[in-house]
Amino acid sequence: MNFNTHQIETDAPEARQAILKRLVAYNNSKTGHSDHRPLAILINDEAGAVIGGFLGRTAFNWLYTELLFVPEPLRGRGIGRSLIMQAEKEARLRGCHSAWLNTFEFQARGFYERMGYECFGELSDYPVGFSRFFMKKNLVQAKHAP
């Protein structure tokens, strides 16, 4: 097989899709699973514009939280908690037994711990002076934190 490589500095959505398609096909051939499904729970303003929410996916019987954002004026009202609980409920309906995510030290580790998540890994100095935490939660036994 002949090939060449080149470097670009762009997101290149078409390239991402081409690589993802092949990677998912390979993973499915090894695991026998093809259960990747996106999950979005959005916060809209009065005009209908998306101003925050939850973006993630379910795959291999796990929920992955990719993005969670609540605008500052709406924080402290239980909205983030509600978003996570809705996502976890849907994940259980999809057959998920666990959830995982990652968060920066300056973001929401304490919030996720209050939601029942535990840290299973840390990447130091990402970015320099901070850590990135990898967290998980069992969805079968722990429906939500008290």
N, C-alpha and C. Protein backbone atom coordinates (compact mmCIF):
# COMPACT_ATOMS: atom_id res chain seq x y z
N MET A 1 0.83 -1.17 0.00
CA MET A 1 0.00 0.00 0.00
C MET A 1 0.88 1.24 0.00
N ASN A 2 0.69 2.11 -0.96
CA ASN A 2 1.41 3.37 -1.02
C ASN A 2 0.66 4.43 -0.24
N PHE A 3 1.41 5.35 0.36
CA PHE A 3 0.77 6.42 1.12
C PHE A 3 1.71 7.60 1.24
N ASN A 4 1.16 8.74 1.62
CA ASN A 4 1.97 9.90 1.96
C ASN A 4 1.30 10.58 3.14
N THR A 5 2.00 11.49 3.78
CA THR A 5 1.45 12.22 4.92
C THR A 5 1.62 13.71 4.68
N HIS A 6 0.75 14.48 5.31
CA HIS A 6 0.92 15.93 5.31
C HIS A 6 0.28 16.49 6.57
N GLN A 7 0.81 17.58 7.03
CA GLN A 7 0.35 18.21 8.27
C GLN A 7 -0.49 19.43 7.95
N ILE A 8 -1.60 19.60 8.70
CA ILE A 8 -2.44 20.77 8.54
C ILE A 8 -2.76 21.34 9.91
N GLU A 9 -3.12 22.60 9.97
CA GLU A 9 -3.49 23.22 11.24
C GLU A 9 -4.94 23.69 11.15
N THR A 10 -5.83 22.73 11.10
CA THR A 10 -7.26 23.01 11.04
C THR A 10 -8.01 21.81 11.60
N ASP A 11 -9.25 22.01 11.96
CA ASP A 11 -10.05 20.90 12.47
C ASP A 11 -10.38 19.89 11.37
N ALA A 12 -10.47 20.34 10.14
CA ALA A 12 -10.75 19.49 8.98
C ALA A 12 -11.83 18.46 9.27
N PRO A 13 -13.10 18.90 9.39
CA PRO A 13 -14.18 17.97 9.74
C PRO A 13 -14.27 16.75 8.82
N GLU A 14 -13.98 16.94 7.54
CA GLU A 14 -14.06 15.80 6.61
C GLU A 14 -12.96 14.78 6.91
N ALA A 15 -11.79 15.26 7.31
CA ALA A 15 -10.70 14.35 7.67
C ALA A 15 -11.04 13.61 8.96
N ARG A 16 -11.60 14.34 9.94
CA ARG A 16 -12.00 13.71 11.20
C ARG A 16 -13.01 12.60 10.94
N GLN A 17 -14.00 12.88 10.11
CA GLN A 17 -15.02 11.88 9.80
C GLN A 17 -14.41 10.66 9.11
N ALA A 18 -13.49 10.88 8.19
CA ALA A 18 -12.86 9.76 7.48
C ALA A 18 -12.08 8.88 8.44
N ILE A 19 -11.33 9.51 9.35
CA ILE A 19 -10.55 8.75 10.33
C ILE A 19 -11.47 8.05 11.32
N LEU A 20 -12.47 8.78 11.82
CA LEU A 20 -13.41 8.23 12.80
C LEU A 20 -14.16 7.03 12.22
N LYS A 21 -14.61 7.14 10.99
CA LYS A 21 -15.34 6.05 10.34
C LYS A 21 -14.50 4.77 10.34
N ARG A 22 -13.24 4.90 9.97
CA ARG A 22 -12.37 3.73 9.91
C ARG A 22 -12.04 3.19 11.31
N LEU A 23 -11.83 4.09 12.27
CA LEU A 23 -11.53 3.66 13.63
C LEU A 23 -12.72 2.96 14.26
N VAL A 24 -13.91 3.52 14.08
CA VAL A 24 -15.11 2.89 14.63
C VAL A 24 -15.33 1.51 13.99
N ALA A 25 -15.14 1.39 12.70
CA ALA A 25 -15.28 0.09 12.03
C ALA A 25 -14.29 -0.93 12.60
N TYR A 26 -13.05 -0.49 12.82
CA TYR A 26 -12.05 -1.39 13.40
C TYR A 26 -12.46 -1.81 14.81
N ASN A 27 -12.84 -0.82 15.64
CA ASN A 27 -13.25 -1.13 17.02
C ASN A 27 -14.44 -2.08 17.03
N ASN A 28 -15.41 -1.83 16.17
CA ASN A 28 -16.58 -2.71 16.10
C ASN A 28 -16.19 -4.14 15.70
N SER A 29 -15.22 -4.26 14.81
CA SER A 29 -14.79 -5.59 14.38
C SER A 29 -14.14 -6.36 15.53
N LYS A 30 -13.51 -5.65 16.45
CA LYS A 30 -12.85 -6.29 17.59
C LYS A 30 -13.80 -6.54 18.76
N THR A 31 -14.75 -5.62 18.99
CA THR A 31 -15.62 -5.72 20.16
C THR A 31 -16.98 -6.33 19.87
N GLY A 32 -17.38 -6.30 18.62
CA GLY A 32 -18.72 -6.77 18.28
C GLY A 32 -19.80 -5.75 18.61
N HIS A 33 -19.41 -4.57 19.06
CA HIS A 33 -20.37 -3.51 19.41
C HIS A 33 -20.40 -2.45 18.31
N SER A 34 -21.56 -1.90 18.11
CA SER A 34 -21.69 -0.73 17.25
C SER A 34 -22.79 0.16 17.83
N ASP A 35 -22.63 0.47 19.12
CA ASP A 35 -23.69 1.15 19.85
C ASP A 35 -23.39 2.62 20.15
N HIS A 36 -22.54 3.26 19.37
CA HIS A 36 -22.22 4.68 19.60
C HIS A 36 -23.44 5.54 19.27
N ARG A 37 -23.89 6.31 20.26
CA ARG A 37 -25.03 7.21 20.05
C ARG A 37 -24.74 8.54 20.73
N PRO A 38 -24.92 9.63 20.01
CA PRO A 38 -24.74 10.94 20.63
C PRO A 38 -25.86 11.23 21.63
N LEU A 39 -25.57 12.12 22.57
CA LEU A 39 -26.55 12.54 23.57
C LEU A 39 -26.34 14.02 23.84
N ALA A 40 -27.38 14.81 23.63
CA ALA A 40 -27.31 16.26 23.87
C ALA A 40 -28.52 16.70 24.68
N ILE A 41 -28.27 17.51 25.69
CA ILE A 41 -29.32 18.14 26.48
C ILE A 41 -28.94 19.62 26.53
N LEU A 42 -29.73 20.44 25.87
CA LEU A 42 -29.33 21.82 25.63
C LEU A 42 -30.06 22.83 26.51
N ILE A 43 -29.39 23.92 26.80
CA ILE A 43 -29.97 25.08 27.47
C ILE A 43 -30.10 26.16 26.41
N ASN A 44 -31.31 26.68 26.23
CA ASN A 44 -31.56 27.72 25.24
C ASN A 44 -31.98 29.01 25.92
N ASP A 45 -31.63 30.13 25.30
CA ASP A 45 -32.11 31.41 25.81
C ASP A 45 -33.51 31.70 25.26
N GLU A 46 -34.04 32.88 25.56
CA GLU A 46 -35.39 33.24 25.14
C GLU A 46 -35.56 33.22 23.63
N ALA A 47 -34.49 33.52 22.90
CA ALA A 47 -34.53 33.55 21.44
C ALA A 47 -34.31 32.18 20.82
N GLY A 48 -34.03 31.18 21.65
CA GLY A 48 -33.81 29.83 21.15
C GLY A 48 -32.37 29.48 20.87
N ALA A 49 -31.45 30.41 21.11
CA ALA A 49 -30.02 30.15 20.88
C ALA A 49 -29.48 29.24 21.98
N VAL A 50 -28.62 28.32 21.61
CA VAL A 50 -27.98 27.44 22.58
C VAL A 50 -26.96 28.25 23.36
N ILE A 51 -27.09 28.23 24.70
CA ILE A 51 -26.16 28.97 25.56
C ILE A 51 -25.42 28.06 26.52
N GLY A 52 -25.72 26.77 26.49
CA GLY A 52 -25.05 25.82 27.36
C GLY A 52 -25.69 24.46 27.23
N GLY A 53 -25.26 23.53 28.11
CA GLY A 53 -25.86 22.21 28.10
C GLY A 53 -24.85 21.10 28.25
N PHE A 54 -25.31 19.92 27.92
CA PHE A 54 -24.55 18.67 28.00
C PHE A 54 -24.39 18.12 26.60
N LEU A 55 -23.16 17.74 26.24
CA LEU A 55 -22.90 17.00 25.01
C LEU A 55 -22.06 15.79 25.37
N GLY A 56 -22.46 14.66 24.89
CA GLY A 56 -21.71 13.44 25.16
C GLY A 56 -22.17 12.34 24.24
N ARG A 57 -21.92 11.12 24.67
CA ARG A 57 -22.33 9.97 23.86
C ARG A 57 -22.34 8.73 24.74
N THR A 58 -23.04 7.74 24.25
CA THR A 58 -22.98 6.43 24.88
C THR A 58 -22.31 5.46 23.90
N ALA A 59 -21.50 4.60 24.44
CA ALA A 59 -20.81 3.59 23.64
C ALA A 59 -20.24 2.54 24.57
N PHE A 60 -20.26 1.30 24.14
CA PHE A 60 -19.71 0.19 24.91
C PHE A 60 -20.31 0.15 26.32
N ASN A 61 -21.58 0.52 26.43
CA ASN A 61 -22.32 0.52 27.70
C ASN A 61 -21.77 1.51 28.72
N TRP A 62 -21.15 2.58 28.24
CA TRP A 62 -20.66 3.67 29.07
C TRP A 62 -21.22 4.99 28.55
N LEU A 63 -21.46 5.91 29.47
CA LEU A 63 -21.79 7.29 29.13
C LEU A 63 -20.51 8.10 29.20
N TYR A 64 -20.24 8.88 28.17
CA TYR A 64 -19.09 9.78 28.18
C TYR A 64 -19.59 11.21 28.12
N THR A 65 -19.20 12.01 29.10
CA THR A 65 -19.51 13.43 29.12
C THR A 65 -18.37 14.15 28.41
N GLU A 66 -18.66 14.69 27.24
CA GLU A 66 -17.64 15.43 26.50
C GLU A 66 -17.63 16.90 26.92
N LEU A 67 -18.80 17.51 26.98
CA LEU A 67 -18.91 18.92 27.35
C LEU A 67 -20.09 19.13 28.29
N LEU A 68 -19.87 19.93 29.32
CA LEU A 68 -20.94 20.36 30.20
C LEU A 68 -20.67 21.82 30.53
N PHE A 69 -21.63 22.68 30.20
CA PHE A 69 -21.44 24.10 30.46
C PHE A 69 -22.76 24.73 30.86
N VAL A 70 -22.73 25.42 32.00
CA VAL A 70 -23.86 26.22 32.47
C VAL A 70 -23.36 27.66 32.53
N PRO A 71 -24.04 28.59 31.86
CA PRO A 71 -23.61 30.00 31.90
C PRO A 71 -23.57 30.51 33.34
N GLU A 72 -22.61 31.36 33.64
CA GLU A 72 -22.41 31.84 35.01
C GLU A 72 -23.68 32.39 35.66
N PRO A 73 -24.50 33.18 34.96
CA PRO A 73 -25.70 33.70 35.63
C PRO A 73 -26.70 32.60 36.06
N LEU A 74 -26.57 31.41 35.49
CA LEU A 74 -27.49 30.31 35.82
C LEU A 74 -26.91 29.32 36.82
N ARG A 75 -25.66 29.50 37.20
CA ARG A 75 -25.01 28.55 38.11
C ARG A 75 -25.58 28.67 39.52
N GLY A 76 -25.50 27.58 40.26
CA GLY A 76 -25.98 27.56 41.64
C GLY A 76 -27.47 27.29 41.75
N ARG A 77 -28.11 26.95 40.65
CA ARG A 77 -29.55 26.68 40.64
C ARG A 77 -29.88 25.21 40.44
N GLY A 78 -28.84 24.37 40.41
CA GLY A 78 -29.07 22.94 40.21
C GLY A 78 -29.20 22.52 38.76
N ILE A 79 -28.89 23.43 37.84
CA ILE A 79 -29.04 23.11 36.41
C ILE A 79 -28.00 22.09 35.96
N GLY A 80 -26.74 22.27 36.37
CA GLY A 80 -25.71 21.30 36.02
C GLY A 80 -26.04 19.92 36.56
N ARG A 81 -26.48 19.87 37.79
CA ARG A 81 -26.89 18.61 38.42
C ARG A 81 -28.02 17.95 37.63
N SER A 82 -28.99 18.77 37.23
CA SER A 82 -30.12 18.27 36.45
C SER A 82 -29.67 17.72 35.10
N LEU A 83 -28.74 18.42 34.44
CA LEU A 83 -28.24 17.95 33.15
C LEU A 83 -27.56 16.59 33.29
N ILE A 84 -26.70 16.46 34.30
CA ILE A 84 -26.00 15.19 34.52
C ILE A 84 -27.00 14.08 34.84
N MET A 85 -27.96 14.37 35.70
CA MET A 85 -28.95 13.36 36.07
C MET A 85 -29.79 12.92 34.87
N GLN A 86 -30.16 13.88 34.00
CA GLN A 86 -30.90 13.53 32.78
C GLN A 86 -30.06 12.65 31.86
N ALA A 87 -28.78 13.01 31.71
CA ALA A 87 -27.89 12.23 30.85
C ALA A 87 -27.70 10.82 31.41
N GLU A 88 -27.52 10.71 32.72
CA GLU A 88 -27.34 9.40 33.34
C GLU A 88 -28.61 8.56 33.21
N LYS A 89 -29.76 9.18 33.36
CA LYS A 89 -31.02 8.45 33.20
C LYS A 89 -31.15 7.88 31.79
N GLU A 90 -30.86 8.72 30.79
CA GLU A 90 -30.93 8.26 29.41
C GLU A 90 -29.89 7.16 29.16
N ALA A 91 -28.70 7.32 29.74
CA ALA A 91 -27.65 6.31 29.57
C ALA A 91 -28.11 4.96 30.13
N ARG A 92 -28.76 4.96 31.29
CA ARG A 92 -29.28 3.71 31.84
C ARG A 92 -30.31 3.09 30.90
N LEU A 93 -31.19 3.92 30.33
CA LEU A 93 -32.17 3.41 29.37
C LEU A 93 -31.50 2.80 28.16
N ARG A 94 -30.32 3.30 27.82
CA ARG A 94 -29.55 2.76 26.70
C ARG A 94 -28.70 1.56 27.11
N GLY A 95 -28.79 1.14 28.35
CA GLY A 95 -28.05 -0.03 28.81
C GLY A 95 -26.68 0.25 29.38
N CYS A 96 -26.38 1.48 29.69
CA CYS A 96 -25.06 1.81 30.24
C CYS A 96 -24.97 1.44 31.71
N HIS A 97 -23.82 0.92 32.10
CA HIS A 97 -23.57 0.54 33.49
C HIS A 97 -22.69 1.57 34.20
N SER A 98 -21.99 2.42 33.44
CA SER A 98 -21.05 3.36 34.04
C SER A 98 -20.94 4.62 33.20
N ALA A 99 -20.30 5.63 33.80
CA ALA A 99 -20.07 6.90 33.11
C ALA A 99 -18.64 7.35 33.36
N TRP A 100 -18.10 8.12 32.42
CA TRP A 100 -16.77 8.68 32.62
C TRP A 100 -16.68 10.05 31.97
N LEU A 101 -15.68 10.81 32.41
CA LEU A 101 -15.47 12.16 31.91
C LEU A 101 -14.08 12.62 32.31
N ASN A 102 -13.70 13.78 31.84
CA ASN A 102 -12.48 14.41 32.32
C ASN A 102 -12.76 15.88 32.54
N THR A 103 -12.06 16.46 33.51
CA THR A 103 -12.25 17.86 33.87
C THR A 103 -10.92 18.44 34.32
N PHE A 104 -10.75 19.71 34.09
CA PHE A 104 -9.54 20.39 34.52
C PHE A 104 -9.64 20.75 36.00
N GLU A 105 -8.49 20.93 36.62
CA GLU A 105 -8.41 21.30 38.03
C GLU A 105 -9.19 22.59 38.31
N PHE A 106 -9.19 23.52 37.37
CA PHE A 106 -9.87 24.80 37.56
C PHE A 106 -11.34 24.75 37.14
N GLN A 107 -11.84 23.57 36.81
CA GLN A 107 -13.23 23.44 36.41
C GLN A 107 -14.07 22.83 37.53
N ALA A 108 -14.49 21.60 37.39
CA ALA A 108 -15.60 21.11 38.21
C ALA A 108 -15.39 19.78 38.92
N ARG A 109 -14.16 19.47 39.32
CA ARG A 109 -13.94 18.19 39.98
C ARG A 109 -14.85 18.02 41.20
N GLY A 110 -14.94 19.03 42.05
CA GLY A 110 -15.78 18.95 43.25
C GLY A 110 -17.25 18.71 42.91
N PHE A 111 -17.73 19.35 41.88
CA PHE A 111 -19.10 19.16 41.42
C PHE A 111 -19.33 17.70 41.06
N TYR A 112 -18.43 17.13 40.27
CA TYR A 112 -18.60 15.74 39.84
C TYR A 112 -18.47 14.78 41.03
N GLU A 113 -17.59 15.08 41.97
CA GLU A 113 -17.49 14.23 43.16
C GLU A 113 -18.80 14.26 43.95
N ARG A 114 -19.42 15.42 44.05
CA ARG A 114 -20.73 15.50 44.72
C ARG A 114 -21.79 14.72 43.97
N MET A 115 -21.60 14.53 42.68
CA MET A 115 -22.53 13.75 41.85
C MET A 115 -22.20 12.25 41.90
N GLY A 116 -21.20 11.87 42.68
CA GLY A 116 -20.87 10.46 42.84
C GLY A 116 -19.72 9.95 42.00
N TYR A 117 -19.04 10.84 41.28
CA TYR A 117 -17.91 10.43 40.46
C TYR A 117 -16.65 10.35 41.31
N GLU A 118 -15.75 9.44 40.93
CA GLU A 118 -14.47 9.32 41.62
C GLU A 118 -13.35 9.44 40.62
N CYS A 119 -12.25 10.02 41.06
CA CYS A 119 -11.09 10.23 40.21
C CYS A 119 -10.33 8.91 40.05
N PHE A 120 -10.02 8.54 38.82
CA PHE A 120 -9.22 7.33 38.59
C PHE A 120 -7.92 7.63 37.87
N GLY A 121 -7.70 8.90 37.53
CA GLY A 121 -6.45 9.24 36.88
C GLY A 121 -6.23 10.74 36.87
N GLU A 122 -4.95 11.11 36.83
CA GLU A 122 -4.59 12.53 36.82
C GLU A 122 -3.46 12.75 35.83
N LEU A 123 -3.61 13.77 35.01
CA LEU A 123 -2.57 14.18 34.08
C LEU A 123 -2.06 15.53 34.57
N SER A 124 -0.86 15.54 35.14
CA SER A 124 -0.29 16.76 35.71
C SER A 124 0.24 17.69 34.62
N ASP A 125 0.25 18.97 34.94
CA ASP A 125 0.78 20.00 34.05
C ASP A 125 0.09 20.02 32.69
N TYR A 126 -1.24 19.86 32.71
CA TYR A 126 -2.03 19.96 31.48
C TYR A 126 -3.25 20.80 31.76
N PRO A 127 -3.15 22.15 31.58
CA PRO A 127 -1.98 22.93 31.18
C PRO A 127 -0.99 23.10 32.33
N VAL A 128 0.18 23.63 32.00
CA VAL A 128 1.23 23.78 33.00
C VAL A 128 0.68 24.49 34.23
N GLY A 129 0.94 23.89 35.39
CA GLY A 129 0.47 24.45 36.65
C GLY A 129 -0.87 23.91 37.10
N PHE A 130 -1.49 23.11 36.26
CA PHE A 130 -2.81 22.53 36.57
C PHE A 130 -2.81 21.05 36.22
N SER A 131 -3.83 20.36 36.70
CA SER A 131 -4.01 18.95 36.37
C SER A 131 -5.32 18.75 35.64
N ARG A 132 -5.39 17.67 34.91
CA ARG A 132 -6.63 17.21 34.28
C ARG A 132 -6.97 15.90 34.97
N PHE A 133 -8.23 15.79 35.41
CA PHE A 133 -8.67 14.62 36.15
C PHE A 133 -9.62 13.77 35.31
N PHE A 134 -9.46 12.47 35.41
CA PHE A 134 -10.32 11.51 34.74
C PHE A 134 -11.17 10.85 35.81
N MET A 135 -12.49 10.86 35.59
CA MET A 135 -13.42 10.45 36.63
C MET A 135 -14.43 9.45 36.08
N LYS A 136 -14.95 8.61 36.99
CA LYS A 136 -15.94 7.61 36.57
C LYS A 136 -16.98 7.44 37.66
N LYS A 137 -18.09 6.83 37.27
CA LYS A 137 -19.19 6.57 38.19
C LYS A 137 -19.92 5.31 37.76
N ASN A 138 -20.27 4.47 38.71
CA ASN A 138 -21.09 3.30 38.45
C ASN A 138 -22.54 3.76 38.39
N LEU A 139 -23.21 3.53 37.28
CA LEU A 139 -24.60 3.96 37.11
C LEU A 139 -25.61 2.92 37.57
N VAL A 140 -25.17 1.70 37.76
CA VAL A 140 -26.10 0.63 38.13
C VAL A 140 -26.47 0.72 39.60
N GLN A 141 -25.47 0.89 40.48
CA GLN A 141 -25.75 0.95 41.90
C GLN A 141 -26.02 2.36 42.38
N ALA A 142 -25.32 3.34 41.83
CA ALA A 142 -25.44 4.72 42.31
C ALA A 142 -26.23 5.52 41.28
N LYS A 143 -27.52 5.68 41.48
CA LYS A 143 -28.35 6.44 40.54
C LYS A 143 -27.98 7.91 40.58
N HIS A 144 -27.73 8.46 41.76
CA HIS A 144 -27.24 9.83 41.90
C HIS A 144 -26.78 10.02 43.34
N ALA A 145 -25.97 11.02 43.52
CA ALA A 145 -25.47 11.31 44.86
C ALA A 145 -26.59 11.89 45.70
N PRO A 146 -26.58 11.67 47.02
CA PRO A 146 -27.64 12.22 47.87
C PRO A 146 -27.59 13.73 47.93
